[in-house]
Every structure is written in C-alpha cells, then in structure tokens.
Amino acid sequence: MVNSKEFEFYLKADLSRYEGKYVVIMGEEVVSTGTNAKQVLDEARKKYPQKRPFLAKIPREGILIF
C-alpha cells in the first residue's frame, strides 16, 4: 500500500486539467506533465535528481477503473 505525501496529494487534488496525460508529483506539486511517461519521468528527474518521483496517468472522464 502506497502511503506518501504525493499519493495523498494525487487523491485529493483537482487534476482534471491533466486528463489523459502523465504527471509527476513531488511533494504537493505537479512538476512535469505530458503524453509520454518516459519523457515526463526523465524531465522530472533532470529538474529534481535528489527527489523520488511519483508518476501517475490521469484518467479521462468517464473511464471506469476496477
């Protein structure tokens, strides 16, 4: 079970403007976003090499996740 500040932010924040995109969250901030997971992670790691990135894909409205 993931229990981190980033995961809590992911659950509570309004990330609807990133629908269908990958986001990297560090702390309580989205630091990188885009349509390619590898590029998004690489960009975040380049900006913040000392931090551990939290990567998520924001689902589009109407998608059910089971």
C-alpha atoms as a PDB file:
ATOM      1  CA  MET A   1       0.000   0.000   0.000  1.00  0.00           C
ATOM      2  CA  VAL A   2       1.381   3.362  -1.020  1.00  0.00           C
ATOM      3  CA  ASN A   3       1.348   5.884   1.791  1.00  0.00           C
ATOM      4  CA  SER A   4       3.081   9.077   0.816  1.00  0.00           C
ATOM      5  CA  LYS A   5       2.550  12.804   0.656  1.00  0.00           C
ATOM      6  CA  GLU A   6       2.495  12.549  -3.145  1.00  0.00           C
ATOM      7  CA  PHE A   7      -0.181   9.839  -3.150  1.00  0.00           C
ATOM      8  CA  GLU A   8      -2.336  11.818  -0.723  1.00  0.00           C
ATOM      9  CA  PHE A   9      -1.989  14.871  -2.998  1.00  0.00           C
ATOM     10  CA  TYR A  10      -2.925  12.732  -6.024  1.00  0.00           C
ATOM     11  CA  LEU A  11      -6.089  11.539  -4.302  1.00  0.00           C
ATOM     12  CA  LYS A  12      -7.246  14.977  -3.109  1.00  0.00           C
ATOM     13  CA  ALA A  13      -6.073  17.444  -5.784  1.00  0.00           C
ATOM     14  CA  ASP A  14      -8.145  18.555  -8.751  1.00  0.00           C
ATOM     15  CA  LEU A  15      -6.028  17.216 -11.587  1.00  0.00           C
ATOM     16  CA  SER A  16      -8.778  17.346 -14.206  1.00  0.00           C
ATOM     17  CA  ARG A  17      -6.792  19.719 -16.418  1.00  0.00           C
ATOM     18  CA  TYR A  18      -4.304  16.862 -16.941  1.00  0.00           C
ATOM     19  CA  GLU A  19      -6.898  14.299 -18.147  1.00  0.00           C
ATOM     20  CA  GLY A  20      -5.321  11.670 -20.390  1.00  0.00           C
ATOM     21  CA  LYS A  21      -1.776  12.770 -19.510  1.00  0.00           C
ATOM     22  CA  TYR A  22       1.013  11.510 -17.301  1.00  0.00           C
ATOM     23  CA  VAL A  23       2.009  13.640 -14.350  1.00  0.00           C
ATOM     24  CA  VAL A  24       4.950  13.511 -11.970  1.00  0.00           C
ATOM     25  CA  ILE A  25       4.161  14.707  -8.468  1.00  0.00           C
ATOM     26  CA  MET A  26       6.790  15.665  -5.923  1.00  0.00           C
ATOM     27  CA  GLY A  27       5.588  16.801  -2.556  1.00  0.00           C
ATOM     28  CA  GLU A  28       2.334  18.602  -3.245  1.00  0.00           C
ATOM     29  CA  GLU A  29       3.222  19.865  -6.702  1.00  0.00           C
ATOM     30  CA  VAL A  30       2.926  18.633 -10.288  1.00  0.00           C
ATOM     31  CA  VAL A  31       6.461  19.109 -11.635  1.00  0.00           C
ATOM     32  CA  SER A  32       6.146  17.523 -15.091  1.00  0.00           C
ATOM     33  CA  THR A  33       3.331  16.525 -17.429  1.00  0.00           C
ATOM     34  CA  GLY A  34       2.919  15.099 -20.910  1.00  0.00           C
ATOM     35  CA  THR A  35       1.722  12.207 -23.056  1.00  0.00           C
ATOM     36  CA  ASN A  36       4.902  10.105 -22.863  1.00  0.00           C
ATOM     37  CA  ALA A  37       5.651   8.535 -19.478  1.00  0.00           C
ATOM     38  CA  LYS A  38       9.396   8.143 -20.072  1.00  0.00           C
ATOM     39  CA  GLN A  39       9.829  11.758 -21.183  1.00  0.00           C
ATOM     40  CA  VAL A  40       7.816  13.043 -18.220  1.00  0.00           C
ATOM     41  CA  LEU A  41       9.908  11.000 -15.770  1.00  0.00           C
ATOM     42  CA  ASP A  42      13.189  11.996 -17.404  1.00  0.00           C
ATOM     43  CA  GLU A  43      12.247  15.677 -17.260  1.00  0.00           C
ATOM     44  CA  ALA A  44      11.316  15.456 -13.574  1.00  0.00           C
ATOM     45  CA  ARG A  45      14.488  13.546 -12.682  1.00  0.00           C
ATOM     46  CA  LYS A  46      16.591  16.118 -14.520  1.00  0.00           C
ATOM     47  CA  LYS A  47      14.956  19.004 -12.610  1.00  0.00           C
ATOM     48  CA  TYR A  48      14.984  17.258  -9.221  1.00  0.00           C
ATOM     49  CA  PRO A  49      17.640  14.497  -9.226  1.00  0.00           C
ATOM     50  CA  GLN A  50      17.634  14.196  -5.424  1.00  0.00           C
ATOM     51  CA  LYS A  51      13.886  13.520  -5.132  1.00  0.00           C
ATOM     52  CA  ARG A  52      11.822  10.398  -5.772  1.00  0.00           C
ATOM     53  CA  PRO A  53       9.162  10.970  -8.452  1.00  0.00           C
ATOM     54  CA  PHE A  54       5.559   9.783  -8.184  1.00  0.00           C
ATOM     55  CA  LEU A  55       4.215   9.027 -11.682  1.00  0.00           C
ATOM     56  CA  ALA A  56       0.514   8.724 -12.449  1.00  0.00           C
ATOM     57  CA  LYS A  57      -1.706   8.804 -15.511  1.00  0.00           C
ATOM     58  CA  ILE A  58      -4.796  10.934 -15.021  1.00  0.00           C
ATOM     59  CA  PRO A  59      -7.793   9.055 -16.420  1.00  0.00           C
ATOM     60  CA  ARG A  60     -10.191  10.709 -18.823  1.00  0.00           C
ATOM     61  CA  GLU A  61     -13.660  11.481 -17.547  1.00  0.00           C
ATOM     62  CA  GLY A  62     -15.995   8.544 -17.950  1.00  0.00           C
ATOM     63  CA  ILE A  63     -13.328   5.840 -17.626  1.00  0.00           C
ATOM     64  CA  LEU A  64     -14.070   3.212 -15.018  1.00  0.00           C
ATOM     65  CA  ILE A  65     -11.185   1.633 -13.164  1.00  0.00           C
ATOM     66  CA  PHE A  66     -11.803  -1.690 -11.444  1.00  0.00           C
END
